[in-house]
């Protein structure tokens, strides 16, 4: 913080005007309750308890993509493979599917499509 500011309030406003905020006596805070796959306009106001600063520069952010849904898994015993598939989301560049084997080992596959095959 600069000057005589004692605390800052960070705000994130979505396209419907709903504001999520946090405040801190430091240079950062965590804004909670934001929705996935949502665009927000973010800005900060500083205060010394008597006066508030003007609004900072506003920047636009987009939260992480929402999780995929309609996930299915099938086992092809002859090919010794498992096929995991899911419904895609708009504007997603890649997906990573992860499965846990019987020894608690993680297997993962990254793909630009909405399916992944694993050797079993």
PDB file of N, CA and C in Angstrom:
ATOM      1  N   UNK A   1       0.843  -1.169   0.000  1.00  0.00           N
ATOM      2  CA  UNK A   1       0.000   0.000   0.000  1.00  0.00           C
ATOM      3  C   UNK A   1       0.886   1.229   0.000  1.00  0.00           C
ATOM      4  N   UNK A   2       0.322   2.309  -0.450  1.00  0.00           N
ATOM      5  CA  UNK A   2       1.139   3.520  -0.527  1.00  0.00           C
ATOM      6  C   UNK A   2       0.518   4.643   0.289  1.00  0.00           C
ATOM      7  N   UNK A   3       1.303   5.670   0.547  1.00  0.00           N
ATOM      8  CA  UNK A   3       0.802   6.856   1.242  1.00  0.00           C
ATOM      9  C   UNK A   3       0.293   6.532   2.620  1.00  0.00           C
ATOM     10  N   UNK A   4      -0.853   7.123   2.951  1.00  0.00           N
ATOM     11  CA  UNK A   4      -1.407   6.951   4.290  1.00  0.00           C
ATOM     12  C   UNK A   4      -2.534   5.927   4.331  1.00  0.00           C
ATOM     13  N   UNK A   5      -2.635   5.077   3.323  1.00  0.00           N
ATOM     14  CA  UNK A   5      -3.687   4.066   3.309  1.00  0.00           C
ATOM     15  C   UNK A   5      -3.451   3.053   4.421  1.00  0.00           C
ATOM     16  N   UNK A   6      -4.510   2.707   5.131  1.00  0.00           N
ATOM     17  CA  UNK A   6      -4.425   1.734   6.207  1.00  0.00           C
ATOM     18  C   UNK A   6      -4.930   0.363   5.788  1.00  0.00           C
ATOM     19  N   UNK A   7      -5.833   0.360   4.831  1.00  0.00           N
ATOM     20  CA  UNK A   7      -6.305  -0.919   4.311  1.00  0.00           C
ATOM     21  C   UNK A   7      -6.839  -0.738   2.900  1.00  0.00           C
ATOM     22  N   UNK A   8      -6.980  -1.869   2.219  1.00  0.00           N
ATOM     23  CA  UNK A   8      -7.492  -1.873   0.846  1.00  0.00           C
ATOM     24  C   UNK A   8      -8.675  -2.818   0.753  1.00  0.00           C
ATOM     25  N   UNK A   9      -9.570  -2.506  -0.155  1.00  0.00           N
ATOM     26  CA  UNK A   9     -10.695  -3.373  -0.477  1.00  0.00           C
ATOM     27  C   UNK A   9     -10.567  -3.733  -1.945  1.00  0.00           C
ATOM     28  N   UNK A  10     -10.477  -5.025  -2.227  1.00  0.00           N
ATOM     29  CA  UNK A  10     -10.438  -5.507  -3.610  1.00  0.00           C
ATOM     30  C   UNK A  10     -11.831  -5.997  -3.966  1.00  0.00           C
ATOM     31  N   UNK A  11     -12.294  -5.636  -5.159  1.00  0.00           N
ATOM     32  CA  UNK A  11     -13.636  -6.011  -5.584  1.00  0.00           C
ATOM     33  C   UNK A  11     -13.604  -6.656  -6.959  1.00  0.00           C
ATOM     34  N   UNK A  12     -14.462  -7.651  -7.140  1.00  0.00           N
ATOM     35  CA  UNK A  12     -14.621  -8.324  -8.420  1.00  0.00           C
ATOM     36  C   UNK A  12     -16.110  -8.292  -8.754  1.00  0.00           C
ATOM     37  N   UNK A  13     -16.448  -7.642  -9.873  1.00  0.00           N
ATOM     38  CA  UNK A  13     -17.848  -7.500 -10.268  1.00  0.00           C
ATOM     39  C   UNK A  13     -18.109  -8.325 -11.525  1.00  0.00           C
ATOM     40  N   UNK A  14     -19.167  -9.157 -11.492  1.00  0.00           N
ATOM     41  CA  UNK A  14     -19.501  -9.953 -12.663  1.00  0.00           C
ATOM     42  C   UNK A  14     -20.393  -9.155 -13.614  1.00  0.00           C
ATOM     43  N   UNK A  15     -20.800  -9.772 -14.710  1.00  0.00           N
ATOM     44  CA  UNK A  15     -21.594  -9.081 -15.740  1.00  0.00           C
ATOM     45  C   UNK A  15     -22.993  -8.699 -15.269  1.00  0.00           C
ATOM     46  N   UNK A  16     -23.449  -9.258 -14.138  1.00  0.00           N
ATOM     47  CA  UNK A  16     -24.766  -8.939 -13.594  1.00  0.00           C
ATOM     48  C   UNK A  16     -24.673  -7.872 -12.505  1.00  0.00           C
ATOM     49  N   UNK A  17     -23.464  -7.373 -12.245  1.00  0.00           N
ATOM     50  CA  UNK A  17     -23.282  -6.356 -11.221  1.00  0.00           C
ATOM     51  C   UNK A  17     -23.109  -6.903  -9.821  1.00  0.00           C
ATOM     52  N   UNK A  18     -23.010  -8.220  -9.688  1.00  0.00           N
ATOM     53  CA  UNK A  18     -22.796  -8.822  -8.377  1.00  0.00           C
ATOM     54  C   UNK A  18     -21.326  -8.656  -8.008  1.00  0.00           C
ATOM     55  N   UNK A  19     -21.086  -8.132  -6.822  1.00  0.00           N
ATOM     56  CA  UNK A  19     -19.723  -7.839  -6.381  1.00  0.00           C
ATOM     57  C   UNK A  19     -19.309  -8.796  -5.271  1.00  0.00           C
ATOM     58  N   UNK A  20     -18.129  -9.359  -5.439  1.00  0.00           N
ATOM     59  CA  UNK A  20     -17.464 -10.150  -4.407  1.00  0.00           C
ATOM     60  C   UNK A  20     -16.272  -9.326  -3.969  1.00  0.00           C
ATOM     61  N   UNK A  21     -15.972  -9.328  -2.678  1.00  0.00           N
ATOM     62  CA  UNK A  21     -14.872  -8.467  -2.222  1.00  0.00           C
ATOM     63  C   UNK A  21     -14.115  -9.101  -1.066  1.00  0.00           C
ATOM     64  N   UNK A  22     -12.968  -8.517  -0.798  1.00  0.00           N
ATOM     65  CA  UNK A  22     -12.175  -8.864   0.377  1.00  0.00           C
ATOM     66  C   UNK A  22     -11.429  -7.606   0.784  1.00  0.00           C
ATOM     67  N   UNK A  23     -10.976  -7.573   2.029  1.00  0.00           N
ATOM     68  CA  UNK A  23     -10.189  -6.421   2.462  1.00  0.00           C
ATOM     69  C   UNK A  23      -8.990  -6.906   3.256  1.00  0.00           C
ATOM     70  N   UNK A  24      -7.972  -6.071   3.283  1.00  0.00           N
ATOM     71  CA  UNK A  24      -6.736  -6.464   3.948  1.00  0.00           C
ATOM     72  C   UNK A  24      -5.936  -5.238   4.338  1.00  0.00           C
ATOM     73  N   UNK A  25      -5.104  -5.422   5.306  1.00  0.00           N
ATOM     74  CA  UNK A  25      -4.149  -4.390   5.688  1.00  0.00           C
ATOM     75  C   UNK A  25      -2.793  -4.725   5.085  1.00  0.00           C
ATOM     76  N   UNK A  26      -2.823  -5.465   4.008  1.00  0.00           N
ATOM     77  CA  UNK A  26      -1.637  -5.916   3.299  1.00  0.00           C
ATOM     78  C   UNK A  26      -1.840  -5.626   1.817  1.00  0.00           C
ATOM     79  N   UNK A  27      -0.967  -6.154   0.975  1.00  0.00           N
ATOM     80  CA  UNK A  27      -1.057  -5.889  -0.457  1.00  0.00           C
ATOM     81  C   UNK A  27      -1.876  -6.923  -1.215  1.00  0.00           C
ATOM     82  N   UNK A  28      -2.492  -7.878  -0.509  1.00  0.00           N
ATOM     83  CA  UNK A  28      -3.319  -8.850  -1.202  1.00  0.00           C
ATOM     84  C   UNK A  28      -4.343  -9.455  -0.258  1.00  0.00           C
ATOM     85  N   UNK A  29      -5.405  -9.988  -0.857  1.00  0.00           N
ATOM     86  CA  UNK A  29      -6.419 -10.728  -0.120  1.00  0.00           C
ATOM     87  C   UNK A  29      -7.090 -11.682  -1.092  1.00  0.00           C
ATOM     88  N   UNK A  30      -7.785 -12.669  -0.576  1.00  0.00           N
ATOM     89  CA  UNK A  30      -8.457 -13.668  -1.399  1.00  0.00           C
ATOM     90  C   UNK A  30      -9.943 -13.352  -1.500  1.00  0.00           C
ATOM     91  N   UNK A  31     -10.415 -13.188  -2.713  1.00  0.00           N
ATOM     92  CA  UNK A  31     -11.848 -12.972  -2.941  1.00  0.00           C
ATOM     93  C   UNK A  31     -12.487 -14.345  -3.079  1.00  0.00           C
ATOM     94  N   UNK A  32     -13.454 -14.643  -2.235  1.00  0.00           N
ATOM     95  CA  UNK A  32     -14.105 -15.949  -2.232  1.00  0.00           C
ATOM     96  C   UNK A  32     -15.494 -15.865  -2.862  1.00  0.00           C
ATOM     97  N   UNK A  33     -16.025 -17.024  -3.233  1.00  0.00           N
ATOM     98  CA  UNK A  33     -17.387 -17.112  -3.734  1.00  0.00           C
ATOM     99  C   UNK A  33     -17.555 -16.810  -5.208  1.00  0.00           C
ATOM    100  N   UNK A  34     -16.447 -16.683  -5.939  1.00  0.00           N
ATOM    101  CA  UNK A  34     -16.559 -16.400  -7.371  1.00  0.00           C
ATOM    102  C   UNK A  34     -16.958 -17.679  -8.109  1.00  0.00           C
ATOM    103  N   UNK A  35     -17.646 -17.528  -9.225  1.00  0.00           N
ATOM    104  CA  UNK A  35     -18.136 -18.664  -9.994  1.00  0.00           C
ATOM    105  C   UNK A  35     -17.151 -19.040 -11.091  1.00  0.00           C
ATOM    106  N   UNK A  36     -17.143 -20.319 -11.435  1.00  0.00           N
ATOM    107  CA  UNK A  36     -16.284 -20.798 -12.513  1.00  0.00           C
ATOM    108  C   UNK A  36     -16.772 -20.267 -13.865  1.00  0.00           C
ATOM    109  N   UNK A  37     -15.854 -20.202 -14.826  1.00  0.00           N
ATOM    110  CA  UNK A  37     -16.151 -19.767 -16.203  1.00  0.00           C
ATOM    111  C   UNK A  37     -16.893 -18.431 -16.252  1.00  0.00           C
ATOM    112  N   UNK A  38     -16.493 -17.495 -15.399  1.00  0.00           N
ATOM    113  CA  UNK A  38     -17.180 -16.210 -15.317  1.00  0.00           C
ATOM    114  C   UNK A  38     -16.184 -15.074 -15.491  1.00  0.00           C
ATOM    115  N   UNK A  39     -16.578 -14.054 -16.255  1.00  0.00           N
ATOM    116  CA  UNK A  39     -15.762 -12.861 -16.426  1.00  0.00           C
ATOM    117  C   UNK A  39     -16.053 -11.885 -15.286  1.00  0.00           C
ATOM    118  N   UNK A  40     -14.997 -11.299 -14.749  1.00  0.00           N
ATOM    119  CA  UNK A  40     -15.108 -10.318 -13.680  1.00  0.00           C
ATOM    120  C   UNK A  40     -14.279  -9.094 -14.016  1.00  0.00           C
ATOM    121  N   UNK A  41     -14.743  -7.939 -13.555  1.00  0.00           N
ATOM    122  CA  UNK A  41     -13.951  -6.714 -13.576  1.00  0.00           C
ATOM    123  C   UNK A  41     -13.437  -6.516 -12.161  1.00  0.00           C
ATOM    124  N   UNK A  42     -12.110  -6.385 -12.021  1.00  0.00           N
ATOM    125  CA  UNK A  42     -11.477  -6.332 -10.702  1.00  0.00           C
ATOM    126  C   UNK A  42     -10.846  -4.960 -10.497  1.00  0.00           C
ATOM    127  N   UNK A  43     -11.008  -4.412  -9.293  1.00  0.00           N
ATOM    128  CA  UNK A  43     -10.412  -3.121  -8.954  1.00  0.00           C
ATOM    129  C   UNK A  43     -10.217  -3.020  -7.455  1.00  0.00           C
ATOM    130  N   UNK A  44      -9.460  -2.009  -7.029  1.00  0.00           N
ATOM    131  CA  UNK A  44      -9.112  -1.840  -5.615  1.00  0.00           C
ATOM    132  C   UNK A  44      -9.392  -0.408  -5.189  1.00  0.00           C
ATOM    133  N   UNK A  45      -9.827  -0.262  -3.945  1.00  0.00           N
ATOM    134  CA  UNK A  45      -9.974   1.047  -3.308  1.00  0.00           C
ATOM    135  C   UNK A  45      -9.163   1.012  -2.013  1.00  0.00           C
ATOM    136  N   UNK A  46      -8.391   2.049  -1.745  1.00  0.00           N
ATOM    137  CA  UNK A  46      -7.621   2.169  -0.505  1.00  0.00           C
ATOM    138  C   UNK A  46      -8.318   3.150   0.424  1.00  0.00           C
ATOM    139  N   UNK A  47      -8.090   2.957   1.718  1.00  0.00           N
ATOM    140  CA  UNK A  47      -8.726   3.840   2.686  1.00  0.00           C
ATOM    141  C   UNK A  47      -7.822   4.059   3.895  1.00  0.00           C
ATOM    142  N   UNK A  48      -7.998   5.215   4.535  1.00  0.00           N
ATOM    143  CA  UNK A  48      -7.327   5.478   5.814  1.00  0.00           C
ATOM    144  C   UNK A  48      -8.375   5.630   6.923  1.00  0.00           C
ATOM    145  N   UNK A  49      -9.580   5.128   6.689  1.00  0.00           N
ATOM    146  CA  UNK A  49     -10.738   5.185   7.583  1.00  0.00           C
ATOM    147  C   UNK A  49     -11.450   6.540   7.559  1.00  0.00           C
ATOM    148  N   UNK A  50     -10.815   7.583   7.035  1.00  0.00           N
ATOM    149  CA  UNK A  50     -11.454   8.891   6.923  1.00  0.00           C
ATOM    150  C   UNK A  50     -11.840   9.190   5.487  1.00  0.00           C
ATOM    151  N   UNK A  51     -10.963   8.805   4.573  1.00  0.00           N
ATOM    152  CA  UNK A  51     -11.197   9.046   3.148  1.00  0.00           C
ATOM    153  C   UNK A  51     -10.835   7.808   2.346  1.00  0.00           C
ATOM    154  N   UNK A  52     -11.554   7.630   1.240  1.00  0.00           N
ATOM    155  CA  UNK A  52     -11.253   6.532   0.326  1.00  0.00           C
ATOM    156  C   UNK A  52     -10.558   7.078  -0.912  1.00  0.00           C
ATOM    157  N   UNK A  53      -9.717   6.257  -1.494  1.00  0.00           N
ATOM    158  CA  UNK A  53      -9.080   6.634  -2.752  1.00  0.00           C
ATOM    159  C   UNK A  53     -10.099   6.521  -3.878  1.00  0.00           C
ATOM    160  N   UNK A  54      -9.745   7.009  -5.026  1.00  0.00           N
ATOM    161  CA  UNK A  54     -10.563   6.732  -6.193  1.00  0.00           C
ATOM    162  C   UNK A  54     -10.324   5.275  -6.578  1.00  0.00           C
ATOM    163  N   UNK A  55     -11.150   4.761  -7.446  1.00  0.00           N
ATOM    164  CA  UNK A  55     -11.036   3.370  -7.888  1.00  0.00           C
ATOM    165  C   UNK A  55      -9.756   3.203  -8.695  1.00  0.00           C
ATOM    166  N   UNK A  56      -9.049   2.111  -8.455  1.00  0.00           N
ATOM    167  CA  UNK A  56      -7.823   1.821  -9.196  1.00  0.00           C
ATOM    168  C   UNK A  56      -8.152   1.531 -10.660  1.00  0.00           C
ATOM    169  N   UNK A  57      -7.125   1.272 -11.410  1.00  0.00           N
ATOM    170  CA  UNK A  57      -7.315   0.782 -12.775  1.00  0.00           C
ATOM    171  C   UNK A  57      -8.138  -0.491 -12.703  1.00  0.00           C
ATOM    172  N   UNK A  58      -9.076  -0.650 -13.620  1.00  0.00           N
ATOM    173  CA  UNK A  58      -9.906  -1.855 -13.650  1.00  0.00           C
ATOM    174  C   UNK A  58      -9.317  -2.834 -14.669  1.00  0.00           C
ATOM    175  N   UNK A  59      -9.280  -4.095 -14.276  1.00  0.00           N
ATOM    176  CA  UNK A  59      -8.818  -5.118 -15.198  1.00  0.00           C
ATOM    177  C   UNK A  59      -9.880  -6.200 -15.297  1.00  0.00           C
ATOM    178  N   UNK A  60      -9.876  -6.919 -16.400  1.00  0.00           N
ATOM    179  CA  UNK A  60     -10.824  -8.013 -16.616  1.00  0.00           C
ATOM    180  C   UNK A  60     -10.115  -9.339 -16.437  1.00  0.00           C
ATOM    181  N   UNK A  61     -10.785 -10.248 -15.750  1.00  0.00           N
ATOM    182  CA  UNK A  61     -10.266 -11.599 -15.566  1.00  0.00           C
ATOM    183  C   UNK A  61     -11.378 -12.588 -15.867  1.00  0.00           C
ATOM    184  N   UNK A  62     -11.000 -13.828 -16.119  1.00  0.00           N
ATOM    185  CA  UNK A  62     -11.973 -14.908 -16.253  1.00  0.00           C
ATOM    186  C   UNK A  62     -11.534 -16.026 -15.335  1.00  0.00           C
ATOM    187  N   UNK A  63     -12.457 -16.521 -14.516  1.00  0.00           N
ATOM    188  CA  UNK A  63     -12.125 -17.600 -13.600  1.00  0.00           C
ATOM    189  C   UNK A  63     -11.933 -18.899 -14.368  1.00  0.00           C
ATOM    190  N   UNK A  64     -11.380 -19.884 -13.698  1.00  0.00           N
ATOM    191  CA  UNK A  64     -11.103 -21.181 -14.319  1.00  0.00           C
ATOM    192  C   UNK A  64     -12.389 -21.811 -14.841  1.00  0.00           C
ATOM    193  N   UNK A  65     -12.215 -22.663 -15.816  1.00  0.00           N
ATOM    194  CA  UNK A  65     -13.360 -23.340 -16.434  1.00  0.00           C
ATOM    195  C   UNK A  65     -14.108 -24.190 -15.419  1.00  0.00           C
ATOM    196  N   UNK A  66     -15.399 -24.313 -15.624  1.00  0.00           N
ATOM    197  CA  UNK A  66     -16.204 -25.194 -14.774  1.00  0.00           C
ATOM    198  C   UNK A  66     -15.824 -26.640 -15.060  1.00  0.00           C
ATOM    199  N   UNK A  67     -15.950 -27.509 -14.069  1.00  0.00           N
ATOM    200  CA  UNK A  67     -15.617 -28.919 -14.287  1.00  0.00           C
ATOM    201  C   UNK A  67     -16.523 -29.535 -15.353  1.00  0.00           C
ATOM    202  N   UNK A  68     -15.977 -30.474 -16.080  1.00  0.00           N
ATOM    203  CA  UNK A  68     -16.777 -31.208 -17.073  1.00  0.00           C
ATOM    204  C   UNK A  68     -17.804 -32.058 -16.345  1.00  0.00           C
ATOM    205  N   UNK A  69     -18.850 -32.409 -17.062  1.00  0.00           N
ATOM    206  CA  UNK A  69     -19.861 -33.281 -16.466  1.00  0.00           C
ATOM    207  C   UNK A  69     -20.215 -34.383 -17.447  1.00  0.00           C
ATOM    208  N   UNK A  70     -21.189 -35.170 -17.123  1.00  0.00           N
ATOM    209  CA  UNK A  70     -21.600 -36.336 -17.909  1.00  0.00           C
ATOM    210  C   UNK A  70     -20.393 -37.229 -18.182  1.00  0.00           C
ATOM    211  N   UNK A  71     -19.667 -37.559 -17.118  1.00  0.00           N
ATOM    212  CA  UNK A  71     -18.464 -38.381 -17.230  1.00  0.00           C
ATOM    213  C   UNK A  71     -18.868 -39.849 -17.258  1.00  0.00           C
ATOM    214  N   UNK A  72     -18.306 -40.584 -18.215  1.00  0.00           N
ATOM    215  CA  UNK A  72     -18.553 -42.019 -18.308  1.00  0.00           C
ATOM    216  C   UNK A  72     -17.220 -42.747 -18.381  1.00  0.00           C
ATOM    217  N   UNK A  73     -17.229 -43.972 -17.934  1.00  0.00           N
ATOM    218  CA  UNK A  73     -16.036 -44.814 -17.994  1.00  0.00           C
ATOM    219  C   UNK A  73     -16.458 -46.193 -18.470  1.00  0.00           C
ATOM    220  N   UNK A  74     -15.659 -46.765 -19.350  1.00  0.00           N
ATOM    221  CA  UNK A  74     -15.926 -48.129 -19.801  1.00  0.00           C
ATOM    222  C   UNK A  74     -14.603 -48.876 -19.880  1.00  0.00           C
ATOM    223  N   UNK A  75     -14.669 -50.164 -19.669  1.00  0.00           N
ATOM    224  CA  UNK A  75     -13.480 -51.005 -19.649  1.00  0.00           C
ATOM    225  C   UNK A  75     -13.519 -51.936 -20.849  1.00  0.00           C
ATOM    226  N   UNK A  76     -12.446 -51.973 -21.623  1.00  0.00           N
ATOM    227  CA  UNK A  76     -12.293 -52.895 -22.746  1.00  0.00           C
ATOM    228  C   UNK A  76     -11.260 -53.921 -22.317  1.00  0.00           C
ATOM    229  N   UNK A  77     -11.744 -55.056 -21.782  1.00  0.00           N
ATOM    230  CA  UNK A  77     -10.840 -56.070 -21.235  1.00  0.00           C
ATOM    231  C   UNK A  77      -9.958 -56.680 -22.320  1.00  0.00           C
ATOM    232  N   UNK A  78     -10.485 -56.865 -23.529  1.00  0.00           N
ATOM    233  CA  UNK A  78      -9.699 -57.459 -24.619  1.00  0.00           C
ATOM    234  C   UNK A  78      -8.516 -56.570 -24.999  1.00  0.00           C
ATOM    235  N   UNK A  79      -8.725 -55.259 -25.012  1.00  0.00           N
ATOM    236  CA  UNK A  79      -7.657 -54.321 -25.370  1.00  0.00           C
ATOM    237  C   UNK A  79      -6.859 -53.886 -24.144  1.00  0.00           C
ATOM    238  N   UNK A  80      -7.322 -54.288 -22.960  1.00  0.00           N
ATOM    239  CA  UNK A  80      -6.675 -53.894 -21.709  1.00  0.00           C
ATOM    240  C   UNK A  80      -6.629 -52.369 -21.573  1.00  0.00           C
ATOM    241  N   UNK A  81      -7.774 -51.731 -21.841  1.00  0.00           N
ATOM    242  CA  UNK A  81      -7.863 -50.271 -21.788  1.00  0.00           C
ATOM    243  C   UNK A  81      -9.141 -49.825 -21.091  1.00  0.00           C
ATOM    244  N   UNK A  82      -9.070 -48.653 -20.502  1.00  0.00           N
ATOM    245  CA  UNK A  82     -10.256 -47.996 -19.952  1.00  0.00           C
ATOM    246  C   UNK A  82     -10.476 -46.740 -20.789  1.00  0.00           C
ATOM    247  N   UNK A  83     -11.716 -46.465 -21.139  1.00  0.00           N
ATOM    248  CA  UNK A  83     -12.054 -45.259 -21.892  1.00  0.00           C
ATOM    249  C   UNK A  83     -12.864 -44.351 -20.984  1.00  0.00           C
ATOM    250  N   UNK A  84     -12.371 -43.137 -20.774  1.00  0.00           N
ATOM    251  CA  UNK A  84     -13.064 -42.129 -19.985  1.00  0.00           C
ATOM    252  C   UNK A  84     -13.528 -41.055 -20.953  1.00  0.00           C
ATOM    253  N   UNK A  85     -14.794 -40.687 -20.895  1.00  0.00           N
ATOM    254  CA  UNK A  85     -15.297 -39.626 -21.777  1.00  0.00           C
ATOM    255  C   UNK A  85     -16.154 -38.668 -20.969  1.00  0.00           C
ATOM    256  N   UNK A  86     -16.335 -37.469 -21.502  1.00  0.00           N
ATOM    257  CA  UNK A  86     -17.051 -36.423 -20.794  1.00  0.00           C
ATOM    258  C   UNK A  86     -17.617 -35.439 -21.801  1.00  0.00           C
ATOM    259  N   UNK A  87     -18.542 -34.617 -21.339  1.00  0.00           N
ATOM    260  CA  UNK A  87     -19.117 -33.574 -22.179  1.00  0.00           C
ATOM    261  C   UNK A  87     -18.178 -32.378 -22.157  1.00  0.00           C
ATOM    262  N   UNK A  88     -17.874 -31.863 -23.315  1.00  0.00           N
ATOM    263  CA  UNK A  88     -16.975 -30.722 -23.426  1.00  0.00           C
ATOM    264  C   UNK A  88     -17.642 -29.415 -23.016  1.00  0.00           C
ATOM    265  N   UNK A  89     -16.817 -28.412 -22.852  1.00  0.00           N
ATOM    266  CA  UNK A  89     -17.249 -27.052 -22.518  1.00  0.00           C
ATOM    267  C   UNK A  89     -16.740 -26.110 -23.594  1.00  0.00           C
ATOM    268  N   UNK A  90     -17.442 -25.007 -23.849  1.00  0.00           N
ATOM    269  CA  UNK A  90     -16.966 -24.050 -24.851  1.00  0.00           C
ATOM    270  C   UNK A  90     -15.654 -23.398 -24.439  1.00  0.00           C
ATOM    271  N   UNK A  91     -14.834 -23.108 -25.421  1.00  0.00           N
ATOM    272  CA  UNK A  91     -13.584 -22.360 -25.250  1.00  0.00           C
ATOM    273  C   UNK A  91     -12.548 -23.053 -24.368  1.00  0.00           C
ATOM    274  N   UNK A  92     -12.602 -24.359 -24.258  1.00  0.00           N
ATOM    275  CA  UNK A  92     -11.599 -25.096 -23.485  1.00  0.00           C
ATOM    276  C   UNK A  92     -10.543 -25.607 -24.467  1.00  0.00           C
ATOM    277  N   UNK A  93      -9.279 -25.328 -24.150  1.00  0.00           N
ATOM    278  CA  UNK A  93      -8.175 -25.694 -25.036  1.00  0.00           C
ATOM    279  C   UNK A  93      -7.718 -27.136 -24.831  1.00  0.00           C
ATOM    280  N   UNK A  94      -7.782 -27.642 -23.598  1.00  0.00           N
ATOM    281  CA  UNK A  94      -7.378 -29.026 -23.345  1.00  0.00           C
ATOM    282  C   UNK A  94      -8.033 -29.524 -22.065  1.00  0.00           C
ATOM    283  N   UNK A  95      -8.068 -30.831 -21.937  1.00  0.00           N
ATOM    284  CA  UNK A  95      -8.629 -31.498 -20.770  1.00  0.00           C
ATOM    285  C   UNK A  95      -7.582 -32.453 -20.212  1.00  0.00           C
ATOM    286  N   UNK A  96      -7.659 -32.733 -18.923  1.00  0.00           N
ATOM    287  CA  UNK A  96      -6.832 -33.771 -18.315  1.00  0.00           C
ATOM    288  C   UNK A  96      -7.749 -34.661 -17.496  1.00  0.00           C
ATOM    289  N   UNK A  97      -7.752 -35.945 -17.843  1.00  0.00           N
ATOM    290  CA  UNK A  97      -8.511 -36.936 -17.078  1.00  0.00           C
ATOM    291  C   UNK A  97      -7.524 -37.710 -16.220  1.00  0.00           C
ATOM    292  N   UNK A  98      -7.909 -37.986 -14.997  1.00  0.00           N
ATOM    293  CA  UNK A  98      -7.039 -38.701 -14.061  1.00  0.00           C
ATOM    294  C   UNK A  98      -7.816 -39.847 -13.437  1.00  0.00           C
ATOM    295  N   UNK A  99      -7.186 -41.014 -13.382  1.00  0.00           N
ATOM    296  CA  UNK A  99      -7.799 -42.153 -12.704  1.00  0.00           C
ATOM    297  C   UNK A  99      -6.809 -42.700 -11.674  1.00  0.00           C
ATOM    298  N   UNK A 100      -7.345 -43.394 -10.708  1.00  0.00           N
ATOM    299  CA  UNK A 100      -6.561 -43.964  -9.616  1.00  0.00           C
ATOM    300  C   UNK A 100      -6.603 -45.479  -9.766  1.00  0.00           C
ATOM    301  N   UNK A 101      -5.428 -46.140  -9.839  1.00  0.00           N
ATOM    302  CA  UNK A 101      -5.417 -47.597  -9.977  1.00  0.00           C
ATOM    303  C   UNK A 101      -5.523 -48.279  -8.614  1.00  0.00           C
ATOM    304  N   UNK A 102      -5.545 -49.617  -8.614  1.00  0.00           N
ATOM    305  CA  UNK A 102      -5.751 -50.347  -7.365  1.00  0.00           C
ATOM    306  C   UNK A 102      -4.603 -50.186  -6.370  1.00  0.00           C
ATOM    307  N   UNK A 103      -3.440 -49.733  -6.828  1.00  0.00           N
ATOM    308  CA  UNK A 103      -2.296 -49.492  -5.944  1.00  0.00           C
ATOM    309  C   UNK A 103      -2.176 -48.015  -5.560  1.00  0.00           C
ATOM    310  N   UNK A 104      -3.255 -47.262  -5.757  1.00  0.00           N
ATOM    311  CA  UNK A 104      -3.309 -45.825  -5.473  1.00  0.00           C
ATOM    312  C   UNK A 104      -2.394 -45.013  -6.385  1.00  0.00           C
ATOM    313  N   UNK A 105      -2.010 -45.601  -7.507  1.00  0.00           N
ATOM    314  CA  UNK A 105      -1.214 -44.878  -8.495  1.00  0.00           C
ATOM    315  C   UNK A 105      -2.114 -44.028  -9.380  1.00  0.00           C
ATOM    316  N   UNK A 106      -1.645 -42.854  -9.722  1.00  0.00           N
ATOM    317  CA  UNK A 106      -2.420 -41.955 -10.577  1.00  0.00           C
ATOM    318  C   UNK A 106      -2.000 -42.116 -12.037  1.00  0.00           C
ATOM    319  N   UNK A 107      -2.975 -42.232 -12.892  1.00  0.00           N
ATOM    320  CA  UNK A 107      -2.755 -42.231 -14.332  1.00  0.00           C
ATOM    321  C   UNK A 107      -3.506 -41.026 -14.884  1.00  0.00           C
ATOM    322  N   UNK A 108      -2.853 -40.256 -15.735  1.00  0.00           N
ATOM    323  CA  UNK A 108      -3.552 -39.107 -16.303  1.00  0.00           C
ATOM    324  C   UNK A 108      -3.267 -39.015 -17.786  1.00  0.00           C
ATOM    325  N   UNK A 109      -4.183 -38.376 -18.471  1.00  0.00           N
ATOM    326  CA  UNK A 109      -4.094 -38.210 -19.913  1.00  0.00           C
ATOM    327  C   UNK A 109      -4.604 -36.816 -20.248  1.00  0.00           C
ATOM    328  N   UNK A 110      -3.804 -36.059 -20.982  1.00  0.00           N
ATOM    329  CA  UNK A 110      -4.243 -34.738 -21.434  1.00  0.00           C
ATOM    330  C   UNK A 110      -4.614 -34.828 -22.901  1.00  0.00           C
ATOM    331  N   UNK A 111      -5.681 -34.140 -23.264  1.00  0.00           N
ATOM    332  CA  UNK A 111      -6.214 -34.286 -24.607  1.00  0.00           C
ATOM    333  C   UNK A 111      -6.984 -33.027 -24.987  1.00  0.00           C
ATOM    334  N   UNK A 112      -7.058 -32.745 -26.266  1.00  0.00           N
ATOM    335  CA  UNK A 112      -7.903 -31.646 -26.730  1.00  0.00           C
ATOM    336  C   UNK A 112      -9.305 -32.141 -27.046  1.00  0.00           C
ATOM    337  N   UNK A 113      -9.512 -33.444 -27.018  1.00  0.00           N
ATOM    338  CA  UNK A 113     -10.825 -34.043 -27.256  1.00  0.00           C
ATOM    339  C   UNK A 113     -11.511 -34.326 -25.931  1.00  0.00           C
ATOM    340  N   UNK A 114     -12.712 -34.879 -26.004  1.00  0.00           N
ATOM    341  CA  UNK A 114     -13.480 -35.133 -24.789  1.00  0.00           C
ATOM    342  C   UNK A 114     -13.459 -36.601 -24.403  1.00  0.00           C
ATOM    343  N   UNK A 115     -12.313 -37.259 -24.596  1.00  0.00           N
ATOM    344  CA  UNK A 115     -12.159 -38.656 -24.177  1.00  0.00           C
ATOM    345  C   UNK A 115     -10.685 -38.958 -23.991  1.00  0.00           C
ATOM    346  N   UNK A 116     -10.405 -39.950 -23.159  1.00  0.00           N
ATOM    347  CA  UNK A 116      -9.023 -40.366 -22.922  1.00  0.00           C
ATOM    348  C   UNK A 116      -9.014 -41.873 -22.716  1.00  0.00           C
ATOM    349  N   UNK A 117      -8.006 -42.543 -23.267  1.00  0.00           N
ATOM    350  CA  UNK A 117      -7.856 -43.982 -23.098  1.00  0.00           C
ATOM    351  C   UNK A 117      -6.652 -44.260 -22.217  1.00  0.00           C
ATOM    352  N   UNK A 118      -6.813 -45.242 -21.317  1.00  0.00           N
ATOM    353  CA  UNK A 118      -5.751 -45.633 -20.404  1.00  0.00           C
ATOM    354  C   UNK A 118      -5.487 -47.118 -20.540  1.00  0.00           C
ATOM    355  N   UNK A 119      -4.226 -47.527 -20.560  1.00  0.00           N
ATOM    356  CA  UNK A 119      -3.957 -48.966 -20.458  1.00  0.00           C
ATOM    357  C   UNK A 119      -4.304 -49.442 -19.045  1.00  0.00           C
ATOM    358  N   UNK A 120      -4.902 -50.615 -18.940  1.00  0.00           N
ATOM    359  CA  UNK A 120      -5.274 -51.130 -17.615  1.00  0.00           C
ATOM    360  C   UNK A 120      -4.332 -52.200 -17.163  1.00  0.00           C
TER     361      UNK A 120
END
